[in-house]
C-alpha atoms as a PDB file:
ATOM      1  CA  MET A   1     -71.100 -30.379  66.521  1.00  0.00           C
ATOM      2  CA  PRO A   2     -69.296 -30.941  69.820  1.00  0.00           C
ATOM      3  CA  GLU A   3     -71.152 -33.098  72.335  1.00  0.00           C
ATOM      4  CA  PHE A   4     -69.404 -32.207  75.583  1.00  0.00           C
ATOM      5  CA  CYS A   5     -68.632 -28.528  75.064  1.00  0.00           C
ATOM      6  CA  GLN A   6     -70.059 -25.435  73.431  1.00  0.00           C
ATOM      7  CA  VAL A   7     -67.904 -23.537  70.961  1.00  0.00           C
ATOM      8  CA  VAL A   8     -68.691 -19.951  69.952  1.00  0.00           C
ATOM      9  CA  ARG A   9     -66.630 -17.975  67.506  1.00  0.00           C
ATOM     10  CA  ASP A  10     -66.790 -14.166  67.622  1.00  0.00           C
ATOM     11  CA  GLY A  11     -64.338 -12.512  65.271  1.00  0.00           C
ATOM     12  CA  ARG A  12     -60.830 -13.300  66.496  1.00  0.00           C
ATOM     13  CA  LEU A  13     -62.110 -14.762  69.786  1.00  0.00           C
ATOM     14  CA  LEU A  14     -63.122 -18.363  70.506  1.00  0.00           C
ATOM     15  CA  THR A  15     -65.158 -19.165  73.631  1.00  0.00           C
ATOM     16  CA  VAL A  16     -65.213 -22.800  74.741  1.00  0.00           C
ATOM     17  CA  THR A  17     -67.682 -23.839  77.449  1.00  0.00           C
ATOM     18  CA  LEU A  18     -67.220 -27.182  79.195  1.00  0.00           C
ATOM     19  CA  ASP A  19     -70.733 -28.589  79.004  1.00  0.00           C
ATOM     20  CA  ARG A  20     -71.329 -31.441  81.438  1.00  0.00           C
ATOM     21  CA  PRO A  21     -73.110 -29.529  84.229  1.00  0.00           C
ATOM     22  CA  GLU A  22     -74.856 -32.670  85.506  1.00  0.00           C
ATOM     23  CA  VAL A  23     -71.428 -33.842  86.749  1.00  0.00           C
ATOM     24  CA  MET A  24     -70.082 -30.363  87.559  1.00  0.00           C
ATOM     25  CA  ASN A  25     -68.282 -30.308  84.197  1.00  0.00           C
ATOM     26  CA  ALA A  26     -66.042 -33.206  85.172  1.00  0.00           C
ATOM     27  CA  LEU A  27     -64.334 -34.595  82.093  1.00  0.00           C
ATOM     28  CA  HIS A  28     -64.197 -38.186  80.899  1.00  0.00           C
ATOM     29  CA  PRO A  29     -62.067 -39.561  78.027  1.00  0.00           C
ATOM     30  CA  PRO A  30     -64.548 -38.718  75.241  1.00  0.00           C
ATOM     31  CA  ALA A  31     -64.749 -35.109  76.477  1.00  0.00           C
ATOM     32  CA  ASN A  32     -60.968 -34.791  76.671  1.00  0.00           C
ATOM     33  CA  ILE A  33     -60.579 -36.127  73.147  1.00  0.00           C
ATOM     34  CA  GLU A  34     -63.256 -33.746  71.872  1.00  0.00           C
ATOM     35  CA  LEU A  35     -61.666 -30.752  73.589  1.00  0.00           C
ATOM     36  CA  ALA A  36     -58.247 -31.685  72.213  1.00  0.00           C
ATOM     37  CA  LYS A  37     -59.691 -31.404  68.708  1.00  0.00           C
ATOM     38  CA  VAL A  38     -61.322 -28.053  69.539  1.00  0.00           C
ATOM     39  CA  PHE A  39     -58.014 -26.589  70.723  1.00  0.00           C
ATOM     40  CA  ASP A  40     -56.115 -28.211  67.846  1.00  0.00           C
ATOM     41  CA  ASP A  41     -58.390 -26.285  65.503  1.00  0.00           C
ATOM     42  CA  PHE A  42     -57.968 -23.078  67.518  1.00  0.00           C
ATOM     43  CA  ALA A  43     -54.182 -23.310  67.448  1.00  0.00           C
ATOM     44  CA  ALA A  44     -54.157 -23.982  63.699  1.00  0.00           C
ATOM     45  CA  ASP A  45     -56.663 -21.284  62.663  1.00  0.00           C
ATOM     46  CA  PRO A  46     -54.850 -18.078  61.631  1.00  0.00           C
ATOM     47  CA  ASP A  47     -58.043 -16.051  62.096  1.00  0.00           C
ATOM     48  CA  LEU A  48     -58.430 -16.953  65.788  1.00  0.00           C
ATOM     49  CA  TRP A  49     -56.092 -15.089  68.149  1.00  0.00           C
ATOM     50  CA  VAL A  50     -57.471 -15.569  71.696  1.00  0.00           C
ATOM     51  CA  ALA A  51     -59.593 -18.204  73.477  1.00  0.00           C
ATOM     52  CA  ILE A  52     -61.699 -18.173  76.634  1.00  0.00           C
ATOM     53  CA  VAL A  53     -62.560 -21.416  78.426  1.00  0.00           C
ATOM     54  CA  THR A  54     -65.339 -21.547  81.018  1.00  0.00           C
ATOM     55  CA  GLY A  55     -67.884 -23.980  82.465  1.00  0.00           C
ATOM     56  CA  ALA A  56     -71.618 -24.433  81.932  1.00  0.00           C
ATOM     57  CA  GLY A  57     -73.914 -23.539  84.822  1.00  0.00           C
ATOM     58  CA  ASP A  58     -73.103 -21.593  87.956  1.00  0.00           C
ATOM     59  CA  ARG A  59     -71.716 -24.362  90.172  1.00  0.00           C
ATOM     60  CA  ALA A  60     -68.539 -25.490  88.502  1.00  0.00           C
ATOM     61  CA  PHE A  61     -65.797 -24.578  86.087  1.00  0.00           C
ATOM     62  CA  SER A  62     -64.739 -28.215  86.249  1.00  0.00           C
ATOM     63  CA  ALA A  63     -64.600 -30.740  89.062  1.00  0.00           C
ATOM     64  CA  GLY A  64     -61.733 -32.461  87.253  1.00  0.00           C
ATOM     65  CA  ASN A  65     -61.580 -36.079  86.166  1.00  0.00           C
ATOM     66  CA  ASP A  66     -64.931 -37.895  86.087  1.00  0.00           C
ATOM     67  CA  LEU A  67     -64.040 -40.563  88.630  1.00  0.00           C
ATOM     68  CA  LYS A  68     -67.565 -42.012  88.683  1.00  0.00           C
ATOM     69  CA  PHE A  69     -67.434 -42.600  84.924  1.00  0.00           C
ATOM     70  CA  GLN A  70     -64.034 -44.191  85.293  1.00  0.00           C
ATOM     71  CA  ALA A  71     -65.245 -46.439  88.118  1.00  0.00           C
ATOM     72  CA  THR A  72     -68.524 -47.537  86.511  1.00  0.00           C
ATOM     73  CA  ALA A  73     -67.080 -47.984  83.039  1.00  0.00           C
ATOM     74  CA  GLY A  74     -64.041 -49.804  84.353  1.00  0.00           C
ATOM     75  CA  ALA A  75     -62.195 -47.788  81.772  1.00  0.00           C
ATOM     76  CA  ARG A  76     -58.496 -47.124  81.644  1.00  0.00           C
ATOM     77  CA  LEU A  77     -57.789 -43.395  81.727  1.00  0.00           C
ATOM     78  CA  VAL A  78     -57.296 -42.433  78.076  1.00  0.00           C
ATOM     79  CA  MET A  79     -55.727 -39.017  77.626  1.00  0.00           C
ATOM     80  CA  PRO A  80     -54.960 -37.186  74.391  1.00  0.00           C
ATOM     81  CA  PRO A  81     -51.302 -36.165  73.885  1.00  0.00           C
ATOM     82  CA  THR A  82     -52.252 -32.544  74.644  1.00  0.00           C
ATOM     83  CA  GLY A  83     -53.479 -33.545  78.095  1.00  0.00           C
ATOM     84  CA  PHE A  84     -56.560 -32.912  80.194  1.00  0.00           C
ATOM     85  CA  ALA A  85     -59.132 -30.858  78.239  1.00  0.00           C
ATOM     86  CA  GLY A  86     -56.581 -30.768  75.426  1.00  0.00           C
ATOM     87  CA  LEU A  87     -54.724 -28.031  77.320  1.00  0.00           C
ATOM     88  CA  THR A  88     -52.591 -29.265  80.224  1.00  0.00           C
ATOM     89  CA  SER A  89     -49.871 -30.807  78.010  1.00  0.00           C
ATOM     90  CA  ARG A  90     -50.218 -28.399  75.085  1.00  0.00           C
ATOM     91  CA  PHE A  91     -46.821 -26.721  75.223  1.00  0.00           C
ATOM     92  CA  ASP A  92     -46.602 -25.432  71.644  1.00  0.00           C
ATOM     93  CA  ASN A  93     -49.633 -23.097  71.593  1.00  0.00           C
ATOM     94  CA  MET A  94     -48.493 -19.479  71.801  1.00  0.00           C
ATOM     95  CA  LYS A  95     -51.981 -17.999  71.447  1.00  0.00           C
ATOM     96  CA  PRO A  96     -53.392 -16.667  74.748  1.00  0.00           C
ATOM     97  CA  VAL A  97     -56.029 -18.718  76.570  1.00  0.00           C
ATOM     98  CA  ILE A  98     -58.085 -17.165  79.380  1.00  0.00           C
ATOM     99  CA  ALA A  99     -59.845 -19.226  82.067  1.00  0.00           C
ATOM    100  CA  ALA A 100     -63.153 -17.724  83.194  1.00  0.00           C
ATOM    101  CA  VAL A 101     -63.707 -19.725  86.381  1.00  0.00           C
ATOM    102  CA  ASN A 102     -67.385 -19.664  87.302  1.00  0.00           C
ATOM    103  CA  GLY A 103     -67.433 -22.094  90.241  1.00  0.00           C
ATOM    104  CA  VAL A 104     -65.327 -24.899  91.662  1.00  0.00           C
ATOM    105  CA  ALA A 105     -62.085 -25.689  89.837  1.00  0.00           C
ATOM    106  CA  LEU A 106     -60.838 -28.828  91.514  1.00  0.00           C
ATOM    107  CA  GLY A 107     -58.184 -31.364  90.554  1.00  0.00           C
ATOM    108  CA  GLY A 108     -57.990 -31.465  86.794  1.00  0.00           C
ATOM    109  CA  GLY A 109     -60.309 -28.460  86.656  1.00  0.00           C
ATOM    110  CA  PHE A 110     -57.752 -26.387  88.566  1.00  0.00           C
ATOM    111  CA  GLU A 111     -55.031 -27.800  86.326  1.00  0.00           C
ATOM    112  CA  ILE A 112     -56.923 -26.589  83.247  1.00  0.00           C
ATOM    113  CA  ALA A 113     -57.051 -23.092  84.748  1.00  0.00           C
ATOM    114  CA  LEU A 114     -53.353 -23.180  85.669  1.00  0.00           C
ATOM    115  CA  ALA A 115     -52.533 -24.160  82.076  1.00  0.00           C
ATOM    116  CA  CYS A 116     -54.253 -20.984  80.854  1.00  0.00           C
ATOM    117  CA  ASP A 117     -52.422 -17.658  80.635  1.00  0.00           C
ATOM    118  CA  LEU A 118     -54.911 -15.660  82.717  1.00  0.00           C
ATOM    119  CA  ILE A 119     -57.483 -16.660  85.336  1.00  0.00           C
ATOM    120  CA  ILE A 120     -60.545 -14.474  85.828  1.00  0.00           C
ATOM    121  CA  ALA A 121     -62.648 -15.784  88.698  1.00  0.00           C
ATOM    122  CA  SER A 122     -66.179 -15.362  89.932  1.00  0.00           C
ATOM    123  CA  GLU A 123     -66.544 -14.412  93.592  1.00  0.00           C
ATOM    124  CA  THR A 124     -68.066 -17.869  94.074  1.00  0.00           C
ATOM    125  CA  ALA A 125     -65.108 -19.722  92.529  1.00  0.00           C
ATOM    126  CA  SER A 126     -62.839 -21.989  94.537  1.00  0.00           C
ATOM    127  CA  PHE A 127     -59.688 -23.886  93.668  1.00  0.00           C
ATOM    128  CA  GLY A 128     -57.917 -26.947  94.943  1.00  0.00           C
ATOM    129  CA  VAL A 129     -55.947 -30.108  94.227  1.00  0.00           C
ATOM    130  CA  PRO A 130     -57.773 -32.646  96.416  1.00  0.00           C
ATOM    131  CA  GLU A 131     -56.193 -35.696  94.758  1.00  0.00           C
ATOM    132  CA  PRO A 132     -54.140 -36.749  97.843  1.00  0.00           C
ATOM    133  CA  ARG A 133     -57.411 -37.074  99.766  1.00  0.00           C
ATOM    134  CA  VAL A 134     -58.464 -39.911  97.428  1.00  0.00           C
ATOM    135  CA  GLY A 135     -55.058 -41.532  96.996  1.00  0.00           C
ATOM    136  CA  LEU A 136     -54.161 -39.745  93.786  1.00  0.00           C
ATOM    137  CA  ALA A 137     -51.912 -36.858  92.738  1.00  0.00           C
ATOM    138  CA  ALA A 138     -52.261 -33.819  90.462  1.00  0.00           C
ATOM    139  CA  LEU A 139     -50.723 -35.485  87.422  1.00  0.00           C
ATOM    140  CA  ALA A 140     -51.970 -33.031  84.774  1.00  0.00           C
ATOM    141  CA  GLY A 141     -49.315 -30.462  85.628  1.00  0.00           C
ATOM    142  CA  GLY A 142     -50.672 -29.125  88.899  1.00  0.00           C
ATOM    143  CA  MET A 143     -47.711 -30.339  90.961  1.00  0.00           C
ATOM    144  CA  HIS A 144     -45.357 -28.470  88.662  1.00  0.00           C
ATOM    145  CA  ARG A 145     -47.309 -25.410  87.529  1.00  0.00           C
ATOM    146  CA  LEU A 146     -48.507 -24.308  90.959  1.00  0.00           C
ATOM    147  CA  PRO A 147     -44.999 -23.939  92.497  1.00  0.00           C
ATOM    148  CA  ARG A 148     -43.982 -21.998  89.391  1.00  0.00           C
ATOM    149  CA  GLN A 149     -46.899 -19.586  89.651  1.00  0.00           C
ATOM    150  CA  ILE A 150     -47.026 -18.840  93.395  1.00  0.00           C
ATOM    151  CA  PRO A 151     -44.466 -18.946  96.247  1.00  0.00           C
ATOM    152  CA  LEU A 152     -43.318 -22.465  97.089  1.00  0.00           C
ATOM    153  CA  LYS A 153     -44.612 -22.612 100.682  1.00  0.00           C
ATOM    154  CA  HIS A 154     -48.092 -21.505  99.576  1.00  0.00           C
ATOM    155  CA  ALA A 155     -48.050 -24.065  96.760  1.00  0.00           C
ATOM    156  CA  MET A 156     -47.005 -26.814  99.142  1.00  0.00           C
ATOM    157  CA  GLY A 157     -49.729 -25.769 101.535  1.00  0.00           C
ATOM    158  CA  MET A 158     -52.270 -26.527  98.842  1.00  0.00           C
ATOM    159  CA  LEU A 159     -50.594 -29.596  97.342  1.00  0.00           C
ATOM    160  CA  LEU A 160     -49.989 -31.412 100.639  1.00  0.00           C
ATOM    161  CA  THR A 161     -53.366 -30.765 102.272  1.00  0.00           C
ATOM    162  CA  GLY A 162     -55.787 -30.765  99.344  1.00  0.00           C
ATOM    163  CA  ARG A 163     -57.504 -27.742 100.866  1.00  0.00           C
ATOM    164  CA  ARG A 164     -59.738 -25.414  98.851  1.00  0.00           C
ATOM    165  CA  VAL A 165     -58.789 -21.815  98.207  1.00  0.00           C
ATOM    166  CA  SER A 166     -61.357 -19.083  97.561  1.00  0.00           C
ATOM    167  CA  ALA A 167     -61.176 -16.770  94.560  1.00  0.00           C
ATOM    168  CA  GLN A 168     -60.128 -13.943  96.842  1.00  0.00           C
ATOM    169  CA  GLU A 169     -57.291 -15.994  98.352  1.00  0.00           C
ATOM    170  CA  GLY A 170     -56.269 -17.092  94.866  1.00  0.00           C
ATOM    171  CA  ARG A 171     -55.954 -13.425  93.926  1.00  0.00           C
ATOM    172  CA  ALA A 172     -53.867 -12.748  97.030  1.00  0.00           C
ATOM    173  CA  LEU A 173     -51.630 -15.746  96.287  1.00  0.00           C
ATOM    174  CA  GLY A 174     -51.146 -14.531  92.736  1.00  0.00           C
ATOM    175  CA  PHE A 175     -52.661 -17.166  90.444  1.00  0.00           C
ATOM    176  CA  VAL A 176     -55.930 -15.245  89.876  1.00  0.00           C
ATOM    177  CA  ASN A 177     -55.810 -12.021  87.851  1.00  0.00           C
ATOM    178  CA  GLU A 178     -59.213 -10.579  88.782  1.00  0.00           C
ATOM    179  CA  VAL A 179     -62.235 -11.471  90.908  1.00  0.00           C
ATOM    180  CA  VAL A 180     -65.667 -10.245  89.809  1.00  0.00           C
ATOM    181  CA  PRO A 181     -69.333 -10.866  90.676  1.00  0.00           C
ATOM    182  CA  PRO A 182     -70.739 -13.976  88.965  1.00  0.00           C
ATOM    183  CA  ALA A 183     -72.921 -11.997  86.547  1.00  0.00           C
ATOM    184  CA  GLU A 184     -69.876 -10.050  85.334  1.00  0.00           C
ATOM    185  CA  LEU A 185     -67.520 -12.984  84.767  1.00  0.00           C
ATOM    186  CA  LEU A 186     -67.743 -13.434  81.011  1.00  0.00           C
ATOM    187  CA  ASP A 187     -67.787  -9.680  80.428  1.00  0.00           C
ATOM    188  CA  ALA A 188     -64.597  -9.384  82.472  1.00  0.00           C
ATOM    189  CA  ALA A 189     -62.930 -12.215  80.574  1.00  0.00           C
ATOM    190  CA  ARG A 190     -63.989 -10.604  77.319  1.00  0.00           C
ATOM    191  CA  ARG A 191     -62.555  -7.272  78.500  1.00  0.00           C
ATOM    192  CA  TRP A 192     -59.162  -8.931  79.025  1.00  0.00           C
ATOM    193  CA  ALA A 193     -59.464 -10.657  75.647  1.00  0.00           C
ATOM    194  CA  ASP A 194     -60.294  -7.365  73.935  1.00  0.00           C
ATOM    195  CA  GLN A 195     -57.214  -5.735  75.460  1.00  0.00           C
ATOM    196  CA  ILE A 196     -55.079  -8.568  74.094  1.00  0.00           C
ATOM    197  CA  LEU A 197     -56.758  -8.248  70.690  1.00  0.00           C
ATOM    198  CA  GLU A 198     -55.757  -4.581  70.563  1.00  0.00           C
ATOM    199  CA  CYS A 199     -52.129  -5.734  70.468  1.00  0.00           C
ATOM    200  CA  ALA A 200     -50.237  -7.202  67.543  1.00  0.00           C
ATOM    201  CA  PRO A 201     -50.931 -10.965  67.663  1.00  0.00           C
ATOM    202  CA  LEU A 202     -47.389 -11.962  66.768  1.00  0.00           C
ATOM    203  CA  SER A 203     -46.033  -9.668  69.492  1.00  0.00           C
ATOM    204  CA  VAL A 204     -48.388 -11.309  71.988  1.00  0.00           C
ATOM    205  CA  ARG A 205     -47.252 -14.793  70.944  1.00  0.00           C
ATOM    206  CA  ALA A 206     -43.591 -13.805  71.060  1.00  0.00           C
ATOM    207  CA  SER A 207     -44.111 -12.394  74.559  1.00  0.00           C
ATOM    208  CA  LYS A 208     -45.799 -15.589  75.742  1.00  0.00           C
ATOM    209  CA  GLU A 209     -43.146 -17.815  74.204  1.00  0.00           C
ATOM    210  CA  CYS A 210     -40.222 -15.831  75.604  1.00  0.00           C
ATOM    211  CA  ALA A 211     -41.766 -15.586  79.075  1.00  0.00           C
ATOM    212  CA  LEU A 212     -42.626 -19.281  79.392  1.00  0.00           C
ATOM    213  CA  GLN A 213     -39.616 -20.783  77.652  1.00  0.00           C
ATOM    214  CA  GLY A 214     -37.283 -18.254  79.279  1.00  0.00           C
ATOM    215  CA  LEU A 215     -38.317 -19.595  82.695  1.00  0.00           C
ATOM    216  CA  GLU A 216     -36.801 -22.940  81.703  1.00  0.00           C
ATOM    217  CA  LYS A 217     -33.380 -21.405  81.066  1.00  0.00           C
ATOM    218  CA  GLY A 218     -30.574 -21.429  83.605  1.00  0.00           C
ATOM    219  CA  GLY A 219     -30.524 -17.677  84.186  1.00  0.00           C
ATOM    220  CA  LEU A 220     -31.412 -14.242  82.849  1.00  0.00           C
ATOM    221  CA  GLU A 221     -28.564 -14.005  80.333  1.00  0.00           C
ATOM    222  CA  GLU A 222     -29.320 -17.444  78.901  1.00  0.00           C
ATOM    223  CA  ALA A 223     -33.005 -16.568  78.665  1.00  0.00           C
ATOM    224  CA  MET A 224     -32.314 -13.296  76.861  1.00  0.00           C
ATOM    225  CA  ARG A 225     -29.927 -15.002  74.438  1.00  0.00           C
ATOM    226  CA  GLY A 226     -32.366 -17.814  73.709  1.00  0.00           C
ATOM    227  CA  ARG A 227     -33.757 -18.486  70.269  1.00  0.00           C
ATOM    228  CA  TYR A 228     -37.527 -18.271  70.054  1.00  0.00           C
ATOM    229  CA  GLU A 229     -39.550 -19.150  66.965  1.00  0.00           C
ATOM    230  CA  ALA A 230     -42.464 -16.809  67.698  1.00  0.00           C
ATOM    231  CA  LEU A 231     -40.029 -13.950  68.271  1.00  0.00           C
ATOM    232  CA  ARG A 232     -38.382 -14.607  64.913  1.00  0.00           C
ATOM    233  CA  ALA A 233     -41.813 -14.605  63.246  1.00  0.00           C
ATOM    234  CA  MET A 234     -42.638 -11.253  64.866  1.00  0.00           C
ATOM    235  CA  LEU A 235     -39.382  -9.630  63.755  1.00  0.00           C
ATOM    236  CA  THR A 236     -39.919 -10.638  60.117  1.00  0.00           C
ATOM    237  CA  SER A 237     -43.645  -9.799  59.955  1.00  0.00           C
ATOM    238  CA  GLN A 238     -45.633  -7.060  58.238  1.00  0.00           C
ATOM    239  CA  ASP A 239     -47.067  -6.150  61.634  1.00  0.00           C
ATOM    240  CA  PHE A 240     -43.527  -5.283  62.792  1.00  0.00           C
ATOM    241  CA  ILE A 241     -43.612  -2.551  60.132  1.00  0.00           C
ATOM    242  CA  GLU A 242     -47.264  -1.603  60.616  1.00  0.00           C
ATOM    243  CA  GLY A 243     -46.998  -0.810  64.344  1.00  0.00           C
ATOM    244  CA  PRO A 244     -44.409   1.994  64.169  1.00  0.00           C
ATOM    245  CA  ARG A 245     -45.980   3.287  60.952  1.00  0.00           C
ATOM    246  CA  ALA A 246     -49.428   3.572  62.555  1.00  0.00           C
ATOM    247  CA  PHE A 247     -47.884   5.291  65.590  1.00  0.00           C
ATOM    248  CA  ALA A 248     -46.120   7.845  63.364  1.00  0.00           C
ATOM    249  CA  GLU A 249     -49.314   8.449  61.383  1.00  0.00           C
ATOM    250  CA  LYS A 250     -51.375   8.814  64.592  1.00  0.00           C
ATOM    251  CA  ARG A 251     -53.859   6.087  63.681  1.00  0.00           C
ATOM    252  CA  LYS A 252     -54.863   2.671  65.028  1.00  0.00           C
ATOM    253  CA  PRO A 253     -52.770  -0.143  63.588  1.00  0.00           C
ATOM    254  CA  VAL A 254     -54.374  -2.715  61.343  1.00  0.00           C
ATOM    255  CA  TRP A 255     -52.888  -6.026  62.419  1.00  0.00           C
ATOM    256  CA  GLN A 256     -52.625  -8.856  59.920  1.00  0.00           C
ATOM    257  CA  GLY A 257     -51.046 -11.514  62.087  1.00  0.00           C
ATOM    258  CA  ARG A 258     -48.285 -11.992  59.533  1.00  0.00           C
END
């Protein structure tokens, strides 16, 4: 059983709860290694199609890297190849991951959320990259993801000052999808997950792959002409036949994920 997170499987959905509330769900090397294994298993399991990641308690999603552990242990920062929480450097997972941000998401905690495909935030959530205030930098992708997800001047305003942004401002800036009361957070995240699960899983993965990898191309034509593995899998799948057939027969499709 995991020691630093809770993992709940419900049909096609996996919910992962960062579980170190005594340190505001800050993550140390053992937690990162454990979470990397959890998301390795999620990515490899054909029966799991969507994941939600959230934090234990009502104070924090994650306060980022556990600097006190690092200082007292004198430990070198050990990071799995897939990055902070096993997510920030995981570039080959085309299954959707939803961040349900229940409190502060600072530093690496914000970077976890930015690495997810959707961010659903509690009204009490706040976000920031305060690393420059302690002589560090947002090395788990924050410096690169934030300017790609919101306008550059707004991103620089956060990156250069380390200031905190409320959930409501995050929604206005564009990196938060929805803001809800704290008691409704997980229900809202589940609602988004259920809407994704209504869609063909291979179509969802192809859409994610094309959107993210297409952004790395030199222009629209190059992006549209790109070769995408998840798109190829969708076009040769049984679900590619099932969708139009179900529509013609006026029934709900039965997705197989193959």
